[in-house]
Amino acid sequence: MIGSKVNQYEILEKLGSGGMGIVYKAQDTKLERTVAIKFLPHQIAGHAQERERFNTEAKAAAALNPPNIATIHSIEG
């Protein structure tokens, strides 16, 4: 995955992983900024109920604005 490009994001390094996916550090080549990208594991991405849970969690996180919580910019399908 490292060194590959997904949409406008160039994957730079793996940051971590857990039950809900793998997080990578990436470069947004359009907006010239460093971002974190989370990819869902196949067993979650393949189930509509699990994808909906992920979307719900992302929407909840996107509603927050404290300085120590990452900003959600997009959810891609």
PDB file of N, CA and C in Angstrom:
ATOM      1  N   MET A   1       0.830  -1.194   0.000  1.00  0.00           N
ATOM      2  CA  MET A   1       0.000   0.000   0.000  1.00  0.00           C
ATOM      3  C   MET A   1       0.872   1.256   0.000  1.00  0.00           C
ATOM      4  N   ILE A   2       1.956   1.227   0.768  1.00  0.00           N
ATOM      5  CA  ILE A   2       2.839   2.393   0.845  1.00  0.00           C
ATOM      6  C   ILE A   2       3.431   2.661  -0.533  1.00  0.00           C
ATOM      7  N   GLY A   3       3.388   3.921  -0.940  1.00  0.00           N
ATOM      8  CA  GLY A   3       3.869   4.312  -2.257  1.00  0.00           C
ATOM      9  C   GLY A   3       2.789   4.324  -3.324  1.00  0.00           C
ATOM     10  N   SER A   4       1.630   3.749  -3.022  1.00  0.00           N
ATOM     11  CA  SER A   4       0.542   3.741  -4.002  1.00  0.00           C
ATOM     12  C   SER A   4      -0.280   5.018  -3.872  1.00  0.00           C
ATOM     13  N   LYS A   5      -1.160   5.216  -4.839  1.00  0.00           N
ATOM     14  CA  LYS A   5      -1.996   6.411  -4.859  1.00  0.00           C
ATOM     15  C   LYS A   5      -3.457   5.981  -4.886  1.00  0.00           C
ATOM     16  N   VAL A   6      -4.284   6.584  -4.022  1.00  0.00           N
ATOM     17  CA  VAL A   6      -5.719   6.341  -3.969  1.00  0.00           C
ATOM     18  C   VAL A   6      -6.382   7.698  -4.156  1.00  0.00           C
ATOM     19  N   ASN A   7      -7.107   7.846  -5.260  1.00  0.00           N
ATOM     20  CA  ASN A   7      -7.653   9.148  -5.646  1.00  0.00           C
ATOM     21  C   ASN A   7      -6.504  10.153  -5.665  1.00  0.00           C
ATOM     22  N   GLN A   8      -6.618  11.256  -4.941  1.00  0.00           N
ATOM     23  CA  GLN A   8      -5.544  12.251  -4.943  1.00  0.00           C
ATOM     24  C   GLN A   8      -4.561  12.063  -3.791  1.00  0.00           C
ATOM     25  N   TYR A   9      -4.634  10.929  -3.088  1.00  0.00           N
ATOM     26  CA  TYR A   9      -3.819  10.709  -1.903  1.00  0.00           C
ATOM     27  C   TYR A   9      -2.678   9.741  -2.189  1.00  0.00           C
ATOM     28  N   GLU A  10      -1.453  10.163  -1.913  1.00  0.00           N
ATOM     29  CA  GLU A  10      -0.286   9.303  -2.033  1.00  0.00           C
ATOM     30  C   GLU A  10       0.004   8.725  -0.644  1.00  0.00           C
ATOM     31  N   ILE A  11      -0.024   7.403  -0.529  1.00  0.00           N
ATOM     32  CA  ILE A  11       0.163   6.733   0.754  1.00  0.00           C
ATOM     33  C   ILE A  11       1.649   6.779   1.131  1.00  0.00           C
ATOM     34  N   LEU A  12       1.941   7.332   2.323  1.00  0.00           N
ATOM     35  CA  LEU A  12       3.321   7.523   2.757  1.00  0.00           C
ATOM     36  C   LEU A  12       3.792   6.471   3.755  1.00  0.00           C
ATOM     37  N   GLU A  13       2.967   6.174   4.769  1.00  0.00           N
ATOM     38  CA  GLU A  13       3.367   5.195   5.782  1.00  0.00           C
ATOM     39  C   GLU A  13       2.153   4.729   6.570  1.00  0.00           C
ATOM     40  N   LYS A  14       2.286   3.547   7.170  1.00  0.00           N
ATOM     41  CA  LYS A  14       1.225   3.012   8.020  1.00  0.00           C
ATOM     42  C   LYS A  14       1.372   3.626   9.403  1.00  0.00           C
ATOM     43  N   LEU A  15       0.260   4.132   9.948  1.00  0.00           N
ATOM     44  CA  LEU A  15       0.269   4.725  11.278  1.00  0.00           C
ATOM     45  C   LEU A  15      -0.218   3.766  12.347  1.00  0.00           C
ATOM     46  N   GLY A  16      -1.165   2.906  12.015  1.00  0.00           N
ATOM     47  CA  GLY A  16      -1.686   1.974  13.005  1.00  0.00           C
ATOM     48  C   GLY A  16      -2.857   1.185  12.460  1.00  0.00           C
ATOM     49  N   SER A  17      -3.311   0.219  13.253  1.00  0.00           N
ATOM     50  CA  SER A  17      -4.457  -0.586  12.831  1.00  0.00           C
ATOM     51  C   SER A  17      -5.223  -1.048  14.065  1.00  0.00           C
ATOM     52  N   GLY A  18      -6.462  -1.439  13.815  1.00  0.00           N
ATOM     53  CA  GLY A  18      -7.334  -1.909  14.883  1.00  0.00           C
ATOM     54  C   GLY A  18      -8.515  -2.640  14.294  1.00  0.00           C
ATOM     55  N   GLY A  19      -9.531  -2.845  15.107  1.00  0.00           N
ATOM     56  CA  GLY A  19     -10.696  -3.598  14.683  1.00  0.00           C
ATOM     57  C   GLY A  19     -11.495  -2.944  13.571  1.00  0.00           C
ATOM     58  N   MET A  20     -11.433  -1.629  13.472  1.00  0.00           N
ATOM     59  CA  MET A  20     -12.223  -0.921  12.452  1.00  0.00           C
ATOM     60  C   MET A  20     -11.374  -0.469  11.264  1.00  0.00           C
ATOM     61  N   GLY A  21     -10.120  -0.914  11.152  1.00  0.00           N
ATOM     62  CA  GLY A  21      -9.370  -0.598   9.954  1.00  0.00           C
ATOM     63  C   GLY A  21      -7.908  -0.291  10.171  1.00  0.00           C
ATOM     64  N   ILE A  22      -7.286   0.138   9.080  1.00  0.00           N
ATOM     65  CA  ILE A  22      -5.872   0.503   9.070  1.00  0.00           C
ATOM     66  C   ILE A  22      -5.774   1.976   8.711  1.00  0.00           C
ATOM     67  N   VAL A  23      -4.943   2.711   9.432  1.00  0.00           N
ATOM     68  CA  VAL A  23      -4.771   4.144   9.204  1.00  0.00           C
ATOM     69  C   VAL A  23      -3.389   4.389   8.599  1.00  0.00           C
ATOM     70  N   TYR A  24      -3.374   5.169   7.520  1.00  0.00           N
ATOM     71  CA  TYR A  24      -2.138   5.514   6.841  1.00  0.00           C
ATOM     72  C   TYR A  24      -1.943   7.032   6.828  1.00  0.00           C
ATOM     73  N   LYS A  25      -0.710   7.446   6.875  1.00  0.00           N
ATOM     74  CA  LYS A  25      -0.348   8.838   6.627  1.00  0.00           C
ATOM     75  C   LYS A  25      -0.254   8.978   5.114  1.00  0.00           C
ATOM     76  N   ALA A  26      -0.847  10.052   4.584  1.00  0.00           N
ATOM     77  CA  ALA A  26      -0.860  10.249   3.137  1.00  0.00           C
ATOM     78  C   ALA A  26      -0.686  11.727   2.804  1.00  0.00           C
ATOM     79  N   GLN A  27      -0.324  11.973   1.567  1.00  0.00           N
ATOM     80  CA  GLN A  27      -0.198  13.337   1.062  1.00  0.00           C
ATOM     81  C   GLN A  27      -1.355  13.594   0.109  1.00  0.00           C
ATOM     82  N   ASP A  28      -2.139  14.615   0.393  1.00  0.00           N
ATOM     83  CA  ASP A  28      -3.207  15.056  -0.515  1.00  0.00           C
ATOM     84  C   ASP A  28      -2.519  15.878  -1.589  1.00  0.00           C
ATOM     85  N   THR A  29      -2.407  15.319  -2.786  1.00  0.00           N
ATOM     86  CA  THR A  29      -1.654  15.983  -3.851  1.00  0.00           C
ATOM     87  C   THR A  29      -2.404  17.157  -4.478  1.00  0.00           C
ATOM     88  N   LYS A  30      -3.714  17.206  -4.301  1.00  0.00           N
ATOM     89  CA  LYS A  30      -4.479  18.342  -4.831  1.00  0.00           C
ATOM     90  C   LYS A  30      -4.398  19.554  -3.912  1.00  0.00           C
ATOM     91  N   LEU A  31      -4.551  19.334  -2.616  1.00  0.00           N
ATOM     92  CA  LEU A  31      -4.571  20.439  -1.657  1.00  0.00           C
ATOM     93  C   LEU A  31      -3.244  20.615  -0.937  1.00  0.00           C
ATOM     94  N   GLU A  32      -2.258  19.781  -1.293  1.00  0.00           N
ATOM     95  CA  GLU A  32      -0.903  19.877  -0.746  1.00  0.00           C
ATOM     96  C   GLU A  32      -0.901  19.919   0.783  1.00  0.00           C
ATOM     97  N   ARG A  33      -1.445  18.854   1.377  1.00  0.00           N
ATOM     98  CA  ARG A  33      -1.484  18.748   2.832  1.00  0.00           C
ATOM     99  C   ARG A  33      -1.302  17.289   3.222  1.00  0.00           C
ATOM    100  N   THR A  34      -0.836  17.077   4.440  1.00  0.00           N
ATOM    101  CA  THR A  34      -0.691  15.738   4.985  1.00  0.00           C
ATOM    102  C   THR A  34      -1.995  15.360   5.673  1.00  0.00           C
ATOM    103  N   VAL A  35      -2.462  14.147   5.406  1.00  0.00           N
ATOM    104  CA  VAL A  35      -3.724  13.673   5.973  1.00  0.00           C
ATOM    105  C   VAL A  35      -3.549  12.257   6.511  1.00  0.00           C
ATOM    106  N   ALA A  36      -4.507  11.797   7.279  1.00  0.00           N
ATOM    107  CA  ALA A  36      -4.587  10.403   7.695  1.00  0.00           C
ATOM    108  C   ALA A  36      -5.776   9.788   6.966  1.00  0.00           C
ATOM    109  N   ILE A  37      -5.582   8.602   6.431  1.00  0.00           N
ATOM    110  CA  ILE A  37      -6.642   7.895   5.709  1.00  0.00           C
ATOM    111  C   ILE A  37      -6.881   6.559   6.395  1.00  0.00           C
ATOM    112  N   LYS A  38      -8.150   6.252   6.632  1.00  0.00           N
ATOM    113  CA  LYS A  38      -8.515   4.983   7.264  1.00  0.00           C
ATOM    114  C   LYS A  38      -9.201   4.095   6.235  1.00  0.00           C
ATOM    115  N   PHE A  39      -8.712   2.876   6.107  1.00  0.00           N
ATOM    116  CA  PHE A  39      -9.307   1.886   5.218  1.00  0.00           C
ATOM    117  C   PHE A  39      -9.966   0.811   6.068  1.00  0.00           C
ATOM    118  N   LEU A  40     -11.209   0.487   5.724  1.00  0.00           N
ATOM    119  CA  LEU A  40     -11.919  -0.569   6.439  1.00  0.00           C
ATOM    120  C   LEU A  40     -11.407  -1.932   5.998  1.00  0.00           C
ATOM    121  N   PRO A  41     -11.329  -2.904   6.933  1.00  0.00           N
ATOM    122  CA  PRO A  41     -10.984  -4.266   6.525  1.00  0.00           C
ATOM    123  C   PRO A  41     -12.092  -4.850   5.655  1.00  0.00           C
ATOM    124  N   HIS A  42     -11.748  -5.819   4.822  1.00  0.00           N
ATOM    125  CA  HIS A  42     -12.719  -6.410   3.889  1.00  0.00           C
ATOM    126  C   HIS A  42     -13.926  -6.993   4.602  1.00  0.00           C
ATOM    127  N   GLN A  43     -13.721  -7.607   5.770  1.00  0.00           N
ATOM    128  CA  GLN A  43     -14.849  -8.221   6.475  1.00  0.00           C
ATOM    129  C   GLN A  43     -15.854  -7.175   6.964  1.00  0.00           C
ATOM    130  N   ILE A  44     -15.422  -5.938   7.144  1.00  0.00           N
ATOM    131  CA  ILE A  44     -16.332  -4.860   7.545  1.00  0.00           C
ATOM    132  C   ILE A  44     -16.902  -4.172   6.303  1.00  0.00           C
ATOM    133  N   ALA A  45     -16.041  -3.875   5.341  1.00  0.00           N
ATOM    134  CA  ALA A  45     -16.475  -3.175   4.129  1.00  0.00           C
ATOM    135  C   ALA A  45     -17.516  -3.977   3.354  1.00  0.00           C
ATOM    136  N   GLY A  46     -17.488  -5.298   3.496  1.00  0.00           N
ATOM    137  CA  GLY A  46     -18.423  -6.150   2.768  1.00  0.00           C
ATOM    138  C   GLY A  46     -19.790  -6.287   3.408  1.00  0.00           C
ATOM    139  N   HIS A  47     -19.991  -5.690   4.577  1.00  0.00           N
ATOM    140  CA  HIS A  47     -21.268  -5.804   5.280  1.00  0.00           C
ATOM    141  C   HIS A  47     -21.900  -4.422   5.463  1.00  0.00           C
ATOM    142  N   ALA A  48     -23.097  -4.274   4.959  1.00  0.00           N
ATOM    143  CA  ALA A  48     -23.789  -2.981   4.997  1.00  0.00           C
ATOM    144  C   ALA A  48     -23.961  -2.460   6.422  1.00  0.00           C
ATOM    145  N   GLN A  49     -24.279  -3.331   7.368  1.00  0.00           N
ATOM    146  CA  GLN A  49     -24.499  -2.896   8.753  1.00  0.00           C
ATOM    147  C   GLN A  49     -23.200  -2.357   9.363  1.00  0.00           C
ATOM    148  N   GLU A  50     -22.080  -2.992   9.100  1.00  0.00           N
ATOM    149  CA  GLU A  50     -20.789  -2.526   9.618  1.00  0.00           C
ATOM    150  C   GLU A  50     -20.373  -1.221   8.962  1.00  0.00           C
ATOM    151  N   ARG A  51     -20.612  -1.072   7.654  1.00  0.00           N
ATOM    152  CA  ARG A  51     -20.302   0.199   6.963  1.00  0.00           C
ATOM    153  C   ARG A  51     -21.137   1.329   7.549  1.00  0.00           C
ATOM    154  N   GLU A  52     -22.401   1.047   7.844  1.00  0.00           N
ATOM    155  CA  GLU A  52     -23.271   2.065   8.432  1.00  0.00           C
ATOM    156  C   GLU A  52     -22.776   2.468   9.823  1.00  0.00           C
ATOM    157  N   ARG A  53     -22.304   1.503  10.600  1.00  0.00           N
ATOM    158  CA  ARG A  53     -21.727   1.806  11.920  1.00  0.00           C
ATOM    159  C   ARG A  53     -20.512   2.721  11.770  1.00  0.00           C
ATOM    160  N   PHE A  54     -19.659   2.410  10.815  1.00  0.00           N
ATOM    161  CA  PHE A  54     -18.480   3.245  10.555  1.00  0.00           C
ATOM    162  C   PHE A  54     -18.908   4.659  10.149  1.00  0.00           C
ATOM    163  N   ASN A  55     -19.881   4.769   9.259  1.00  0.00           N
ATOM    164  CA  ASN A  55     -20.369   6.082   8.820  1.00  0.00           C
ATOM    165  C   ASN A  55     -20.954   6.866   9.984  1.00  0.00           C
ATOM    166  N   THR A  56     -21.682   6.191  10.867  1.00  0.00           N
ATOM    167  CA  THR A  56     -22.254   6.853  12.038  1.00  0.00           C
ATOM    168  C   THR A  56     -21.150   7.394  12.940  1.00  0.00           C
ATOM    169  N   GLU A  57     -20.117   6.589  13.177  1.00  0.00           N
ATOM    170  CA  GLU A  57     -18.990   7.031  14.006  1.00  0.00           C
ATOM    171  C   GLU A  57     -18.254   8.202  13.351  1.00  0.00           C
ATOM    172  N   ALA A  58     -18.087   8.157  12.037  1.00  0.00           N
ATOM    173  CA  ALA A  58     -17.415   9.248  11.326  1.00  0.00           C
ATOM    174  C   ALA A  58     -18.226  10.532  11.407  1.00  0.00           C
ATOM    175  N   LYS A  59     -19.539  10.434  11.278  1.00  0.00           N
ATOM    176  CA  LYS A  59     -20.395  11.625  11.397  1.00  0.00           C
ATOM    177  C   LYS A  59     -20.320  12.218  12.795  1.00  0.00           C
ATOM    178  N   ALA A  60     -20.292  11.349  13.809  1.00  0.00           N
ATOM    179  CA  ALA A  60     -20.181  11.837  15.189  1.00  0.00           C
ATOM    180  C   ALA A  60     -18.846  12.545  15.394  1.00  0.00           C
ATOM    181  N   ALA A  61     -17.767  11.973  14.892  1.00  0.00           N
ATOM    182  CA  ALA A  61     -16.444  12.598  15.019  1.00  0.00           C
ATOM    183  C   ALA A  61     -16.377  13.900  14.233  1.00  0.00           C
ATOM    184  N   ALA A  62     -17.038  13.942  13.080  1.00  0.00           N
ATOM    185  CA  ALA A  62     -17.020  15.153  12.252  1.00  0.00           C
ATOM    186  C   ALA A  62     -17.738  16.316  12.929  1.00  0.00           C
ATOM    187  N   ALA A  63     -18.662  16.013  13.835  1.00  0.00           N
ATOM    188  CA  ALA A  63     -19.407  17.061  14.527  1.00  0.00           C
ATOM    189  C   ALA A  63     -18.591  17.704  15.646  1.00  0.00           C
ATOM    190  N   LEU A  64     -17.485  17.060  16.032  1.00  0.00           N
ATOM    191  CA  LEU A  64     -16.633  17.587  17.103  1.00  0.00           C
ATOM    192  C   LEU A  64     -15.590  18.535  16.531  1.00  0.00           C
ATOM    193  N   ASN A  65     -15.126  19.478  17.355  1.00  0.00           N
ATOM    194  CA  ASN A  65     -14.139  20.432  16.872  1.00  0.00           C
ATOM    195  C   ASN A  65     -13.028  20.748  17.884  1.00  0.00           C
ATOM    196  N   PRO A  66     -12.749  19.891  18.872  1.00  0.00           N
ATOM    197  CA  PRO A  66     -11.648  20.196  19.785  1.00  0.00           C
ATOM    198  C   PRO A  66     -10.296  20.045  19.075  1.00  0.00           C
ATOM    199  N   PRO A  67      -9.273  20.700  19.565  1.00  0.00           N
ATOM    200  CA  PRO A  67      -7.987  20.699  18.869  1.00  0.00           C
ATOM    201  C   PRO A  67      -7.287  19.338  18.820  1.00  0.00           C
ATOM    202  N   ASN A  68      -7.620  18.411  19.705  1.00  0.00           N
ATOM    203  CA  ASN A  68      -6.925  17.117  19.722  1.00  0.00           C
ATOM    204  C   ASN A  68      -7.690  15.983  19.067  1.00  0.00           C
ATOM    205  N   ILE A  69      -8.706  16.311  18.292  1.00  0.00           N
ATOM    206  CA  ILE A  69      -9.460  15.308  17.545  1.00  0.00           C
ATOM    207  C   ILE A  69      -9.315  15.616  16.067  1.00  0.00           C
ATOM    208  N   ALA A  70      -9.012  14.585  15.301  1.00  0.00           N
ATOM    209  CA  ALA A  70      -8.815  14.753  13.847  1.00  0.00           C
ATOM    210  C   ALA A  70     -10.093  15.240  13.180  1.00  0.00           C
ATOM    211  N   THR A  71      -9.941  16.065  12.174  1.00  0.00           N
ATOM    212  CA  THR A  71     -11.069  16.551  11.390  1.00  0.00           C
ATOM    213  C   THR A  71     -11.402  15.538  10.308  1.00  0.00           C
ATOM    214  N   ILE A  72     -12.671  15.212  10.166  1.00  0.00           N
ATOM    215  CA  ILE A  72     -13.126  14.312   9.102  1.00  0.00           C
ATOM    216  C   ILE A  72     -13.458  15.181   7.895  1.00  0.00           C
ATOM    217  N   HIS A  73     -12.797  14.912   6.769  1.00  0.00           N
ATOM    218  CA  HIS A  73     -13.042  15.691   5.564  1.00  0.00           C
ATOM    219  C   HIS A  73     -13.920  14.966   4.547  1.00  0.00           C
ATOM    220  N   SER A  74     -13.887  13.631   4.598  1.00  0.00           N
ATOM    221  CA  SER A  74     -14.596  12.893   3.560  1.00  0.00           C
ATOM    222  C   SER A  74     -14.789  11.453   3.973  1.00  0.00           C
ATOM    223  N   ILE A  75     -15.868  10.854   3.478  1.00  0.00           N
ATOM    224  CA  ILE A  75     -16.087   9.416   3.566  1.00  0.00           C
ATOM    225  C   ILE A  75     -16.298   8.951   2.129  1.00  0.00           C
ATOM    226  N   GLU A  76     -15.423   8.093   1.653  1.00  0.00           N
ATOM    227  CA  GLU A  76     -15.506   7.604   0.275  1.00  0.00           C
ATOM    228  C   GLU A  76     -15.982   6.169   0.257  1.00  0.00           C
ATOM    229  N   GLY A  77     -16.769   5.828  -0.748  1.00  0.00           N
ATOM    230  CA  GLY A  77     -17.297   4.469  -0.846  1.00  0.00           C
ATOM    231  C   GLY A  77     -16.505   3.585  -1.724  1.00  0.00           C
TER     232      GLY A  77
END
